[in-house]
């Protein structure tokens, strides 16, 4: 007697904002396979392996249970939060999040299906993500699998943010002064500046990583017009599931 298994694959979801392995000992054998297969394919393509993120895995598990309960795959069911909200709700901090979902009898089939699908393959081999959460729920001999990928954003104090940006700016040869309260206040303002000392140039920007500064700021630093920089960081009310750093750089002659 032959047994027919349903194999279902949904188009990959990719969500963008308006822009070392953790312990994976609790993973099932099927989940461990998906993690190992994903990182093997990334390394074969010259990419960094993904860090297993138990927080993202929690978001994946929530959605995998929904798919198993519905006995179908989807990126969002009626009444369920969207992908970015699911990640934020479990406490993940990210500037980018994407998702692969599938249904099949084995994890080997699932990974092979994802790698043969352009959208899913792009998520697996995305050089912009650094973390992965994986969950599989079984129902009626079918595996309902979810992989959530993210570019994670570290939780840093304002001082840590300012020191990181100051270090990047200092590499250009610019002298970076100690951060002032006025620089932080300027960061919170949509225009103008705080304090009595007028900067010749102000750049405010939002970023998911502090290791790069905007090209326009790089150009200003290289112009020779400015000889001192002050960096101010500021927090903001989180009204979006995405996390970012808010930075102001003030340039003086």
Protein backbone atom coordinates (compact mmCIF):
# COMPACT_ATOMS: atom_id res chain seq x y z
CA UNK A 1 0.00 0.00 0.00
CA UNK A 2 1.44 3.33 -0.95
CA UNK A 3 1.12 6.32 1.36
CA UNK A 4 0.87 9.80 -0.10
CA UNK A 5 2.32 12.64 1.99
CA UNK A 6 1.31 16.25 1.42
CA UNK A 7 4.25 18.57 0.83
CA UNK A 8 3.38 22.24 1.01
CA UNK A 9 5.56 25.30 0.62
CA UNK A 10 4.51 28.91 1.01
CA UNK A 11 6.25 31.85 -0.57
CA UNK A 12 8.85 33.36 1.70
CA UNK A 13 8.05 36.44 3.72
CA UNK A 14 10.54 39.30 3.99
CA UNK A 15 9.81 42.29 6.18
CA UNK A 16 11.92 45.44 6.26
CA UNK A 17 11.44 48.57 8.35
CA UNK A 18 10.78 51.85 6.74
CA UNK A 19 15.01 49.69 6.87
CA UNK A 20 28.73 32.38 17.71
CA UNK A 21 25.87 29.90 18.34
CA UNK A 22 23.75 30.16 21.46
CA UNK A 23 22.82 26.92 23.12
CA UNK A 24 20.61 24.89 20.80
CA UNK A 25 20.48 21.85 23.03
CA UNK A 26 16.71 21.96 23.35
CA UNK A 27 16.15 21.56 19.62
CA UNK A 28 14.63 18.36 18.29
CA UNK A 29 16.63 16.25 15.84
CA UNK A 30 14.57 17.67 12.96
CA UNK A 31 15.18 21.25 14.12
CA UNK A 32 18.89 20.57 14.59
CA UNK A 33 19.03 19.32 11.03
CA UNK A 34 17.48 22.53 9.68
CA UNK A 35 19.98 24.62 11.66
CA UNK A 36 22.96 22.57 10.50
CA UNK A 37 21.76 22.49 6.88
CA UNK A 38 21.17 26.25 6.82
CA UNK A 39 24.64 27.02 8.15
CA UNK A 40 26.34 24.47 5.90
CA UNK A 41 24.79 26.08 2.84
CA UNK A 42 25.75 29.55 4.06
CA UNK A 43 29.36 28.55 4.70
CA UNK A 44 29.50 26.91 1.27
CA UNK A 45 28.49 30.26 -0.19
CA UNK A 46 31.17 32.12 1.76
CA UNK A 47 28.68 33.55 4.27
CA UNK A 48 28.85 33.69 8.04
CA UNK A 49 26.87 30.97 9.86
CA UNK A 50 23.75 32.08 11.69
CA UNK A 51 23.62 32.34 15.47
CA UNK A 52 20.80 30.29 16.94
CA UNK A 53 18.59 32.71 18.86
CA UNK A 54 16.28 31.13 21.47
CA UNK A 55 14.13 34.27 21.53
CA UNK A 56 13.53 34.08 17.79
CA UNK A 57 12.90 30.36 18.24
CA UNK A 58 10.11 31.23 20.64
CA UNK A 59 8.48 33.39 17.96
CA UNK A 60 8.93 30.56 15.46
CA UNK A 61 7.32 28.10 17.87
CA UNK A 62 4.29 30.31 18.41
CA UNK A 63 3.65 30.40 14.68
CA UNK A 64 4.46 26.72 14.11
CA UNK A 65 1.81 25.80 16.67
CA UNK A 66 -0.69 27.98 14.82
CA UNK A 67 0.07 26.23 11.54
CA UNK A 68 -0.28 22.79 13.12
CA UNK A 69 -3.55 23.80 14.75
CA UNK A 70 -4.91 24.97 11.39
CA UNK A 71 -3.32 22.00 9.57
CA UNK A 72 -2.10 24.42 6.91
CA UNK A 73 0.73 26.84 6.32
CA UNK A 74 0.50 30.60 6.22
CA UNK A 75 2.60 33.56 7.25
CA UNK A 76 -0.35 34.97 9.21
CA UNK A 77 -3.69 33.58 10.30
CA UNK A 78 -6.79 35.62 11.16
CA UNK A 79 -6.30 37.27 14.53
CA UNK A 80 -2.59 36.48 14.62
CA UNK A 81 0.04 39.26 14.78
CA UNK A 82 2.18 39.81 11.69
CA UNK A 83 5.74 38.50 11.56
CA UNK A 84 7.47 41.63 12.89
CA UNK A 85 5.01 41.93 15.77
CA UNK A 86 5.48 38.26 16.66
CA UNK A 87 9.21 38.78 16.91
CA UNK A 88 8.84 41.95 18.96
CA UNK A 89 6.25 40.39 21.27
CA UNK A 90 8.70 37.71 22.48
CA UNK A 91 11.40 40.32 23.12
CA UNK A 92 13.55 40.11 19.99
CA UNK A 93 15.35 43.28 18.89
CA UNK A 94 15.98 43.51 15.16
CA UNK A 95 16.30 45.88 12.23
CA UNK A 96 15.24 43.23 9.68
CA UNK A 97 13.22 40.03 10.01
CA UNK A 98 12.27 37.37 7.44
CA UNK A 99 10.52 34.03 7.55
CA UNK A 100 10.31 30.65 5.83
CA UNK A 101 7.42 28.26 6.47
CA UNK A 102 6.70 24.82 5.05
CA UNK A 103 4.87 21.55 5.60
CA UNK A 104 6.36 18.15 4.70
CA UNK A 105 6.98 14.71 6.25
CA UNK A 106 10.71 15.27 6.93
CA UNK A 107 13.06 18.14 7.65
CA UNK A 108 15.32 17.00 4.80
CA UNK A 109 12.48 17.54 2.33
CA UNK A 110 11.66 20.90 3.89
CA UNK A 111 15.20 22.24 3.59
CA UNK A 112 15.54 20.97 0.02
CA UNK A 113 12.27 22.66 -0.92
CA UNK A 114 13.42 25.93 0.59
CA UNK A 115 16.74 25.82 -1.22
CA UNK A 116 14.99 25.20 -4.54
CA UNK A 117 12.61 28.14 -4.06
CA UNK A 118 14.17 31.53 -4.97
CA UNK A 119 12.47 33.47 -2.17
CA UNK A 120 13.20 30.95 0.56
CA UNK A 121 16.76 30.43 -0.65
CA UNK A 122 17.31 34.21 -0.57
CA UNK A 123 16.22 34.29 3.07
CA UNK A 124 18.52 31.40 3.99
CA UNK A 125 21.50 32.95 2.20
CA UNK A 126 20.85 36.58 3.09
CA UNK A 127 24.18 38.16 4.13
CA UNK A 128 22.28 40.84 6.07
CA UNK A 129 20.88 38.47 8.71
CA UNK A 130 22.90 37.08 11.60
CA UNK A 131 20.45 35.07 13.68
CA UNK A 132 17.90 32.29 13.25
CA UNK A 133 15.04 30.80 15.25
CA UNK A 134 13.64 27.40 14.27
CA UNK A 135 10.57 25.47 15.37
CA UNK A 136 8.81 22.35 14.12
CA UNK A 137 5.44 21.05 15.31
CA UNK A 138 4.23 17.61 14.20
CA UNK A 139 0.63 16.75 13.38
CA UNK A 140 -0.61 13.64 11.57
CA UNK A 141 2.94 12.68 10.51
CA UNK A 142 3.48 16.10 8.94
CA UNK A 143 6.08 18.59 10.10
CA UNK A 144 5.00 22.22 10.26
CA UNK A 145 8.26 24.17 10.14
CA UNK A 146 9.09 27.82 10.71
CA UNK A 147 12.46 29.54 10.32
CA UNK A 148 12.71 33.17 11.42
CA UNK A 149 15.80 35.11 10.36
CA UNK A 150 16.84 38.46 11.79
CA UNK A 151 19.48 41.13 11.78
CA UNK A 152 19.65 41.62 15.52
CA UNK A 153 20.23 44.91 17.28
CA UNK A 154 22.21 44.89 20.51
CA UNK A 155 20.83 46.61 23.60
CA UNK A 156 23.42 49.29 24.36
CA UNK A 157 23.47 52.21 26.75
CA UNK A 158 23.63 55.72 25.34
CA UNK A 159 27.28 55.91 26.44
CA UNK A 160 28.09 52.68 24.61
CA UNK A 161 26.35 53.90 21.46
CA UNK A 162 28.23 57.19 21.53
CA UNK A 163 31.60 55.54 22.12
CA UNK A 164 31.05 53.16 19.21
CA UNK A 165 30.15 55.94 16.75
CA UNK A 166 32.96 58.14 18.08
CA UNK A 167 35.41 55.32 17.39
CA UNK A 168 34.24 55.03 13.79
CA UNK A 169 34.51 58.79 13.27
CA UNK A 170 37.97 58.90 14.87
CA UNK A 171 39.23 56.50 12.22
CA UNK A 172 38.85 59.36 9.72
CA UNK A 173 41.32 61.45 11.72
CA UNK A 174 38.65 63.70 13.15
CA UNK A 175 38.99 64.73 16.78
CA UNK A 176 35.93 63.61 18.73
CA UNK A 177 35.09 65.59 21.86
CA UNK A 178 33.46 64.13 24.94
CA UNK A 179 29.71 63.81 24.56
CA UNK A 180 27.74 66.68 26.00
CA UNK A 181 24.20 66.88 27.28
CA UNK A 182 23.56 69.38 24.48
CA UNK A 183 24.49 66.74 21.89
CA UNK A 184 22.00 64.29 23.39
CA UNK A 185 19.31 66.96 23.49
CA UNK A 186 20.08 67.83 19.87
CA UNK A 187 19.54 64.16 19.02
CA UNK A 188 15.97 64.39 20.33
CA UNK A 189 15.17 67.47 18.24
CA UNK A 190 13.82 67.30 14.69
CA UNK A 191 15.72 70.47 13.75
CA UNK A 192 18.02 73.04 15.27
CA UNK A 193 20.46 72.40 18.10
CA UNK A 194 20.65 72.63 21.87
CA UNK A 195 23.10 74.86 23.73
CA UNK A 196 24.86 78.09 22.87
CA UNK A 197 27.60 76.70 20.63
CA UNK A 198 26.40 76.49 17.04
CA UNK A 199 27.60 73.51 15.02
CA UNK A 200 28.55 74.07 11.41
CA UNK A 201 26.90 70.83 10.44
CA UNK A 202 24.42 68.45 12.10
CA UNK A 203 23.48 64.97 10.97
CA UNK A 204 20.76 62.99 12.67
CA UNK A 205 20.30 59.41 11.57
CA UNK A 206 18.73 56.13 12.59
CA UNK A 207 20.53 52.83 12.04
CA UNK A 208 20.42 49.18 13.01
CA UNK A 209 24.22 49.04 13.28
CA UNK A 210 26.70 51.54 14.69
CA UNK A 211 29.73 50.20 12.83
CA UNK A 212 28.97 52.24 9.71
CA UNK A 213 28.15 55.93 9.37
CA UNK A 214 26.11 57.46 6.53
CA UNK A 215 27.96 58.23 3.30
CA UNK A 216 26.94 61.88 3.52
CA UNK A 217 28.62 62.15 6.91
CA UNK A 218 31.73 60.41 5.57
CA UNK A 219 31.88 63.05 2.84
CA UNK A 220 31.65 65.87 5.37
CA UNK A 221 34.42 64.36 7.48
CA UNK A 222 36.67 64.12 4.43
CA UNK A 223 35.98 67.70 3.29
CA UNK A 224 38.61 69.32 5.53
CA UNK A 225 36.11 71.95 6.70
CA UNK A 226 35.60 70.46 10.13
CA UNK A 227 38.05 69.61 12.89
CA UNK A 228 35.93 68.48 15.81
CA UNK A 229 32.92 66.19 16.19
CA UNK A 230 30.55 65.56 19.06
CA UNK A 231 28.30 62.49 19.13
CA UNK A 232 24.98 62.33 20.93
CA UNK A 233 22.65 59.33 21.22
CA UNK A 234 19.03 59.38 22.29
CA UNK A 235 16.31 56.87 22.96
CA UNK A 236 12.85 56.92 21.48
CA UNK A 237 9.47 55.53 22.32
CA UNK A 238 9.22 52.14 20.66
CA UNK A 239 6.12 52.48 18.52
CA UNK A 240 7.46 50.06 15.92
CA UNK A 241 8.45 46.40 16.20
CA UNK A 242 11.81 47.30 14.66
CA UNK A 243 14.72 48.46 16.82
CA UNK A 244 17.22 51.12 15.82
CA UNK A 245 19.75 53.51 17.28
CA UNK A 246 19.17 57.26 17.09
CA UNK A 247 22.35 59.27 16.65
CA UNK A 248 23.27 62.93 16.18
CA UNK A 249 26.72 64.02 15.02
CA UNK A 250 27.65 67.69 15.38
CA UNK A 251 30.64 69.02 13.44
CA UNK A 252 32.59 72.13 14.38
CA UNK A 253 35.45 74.05 12.69
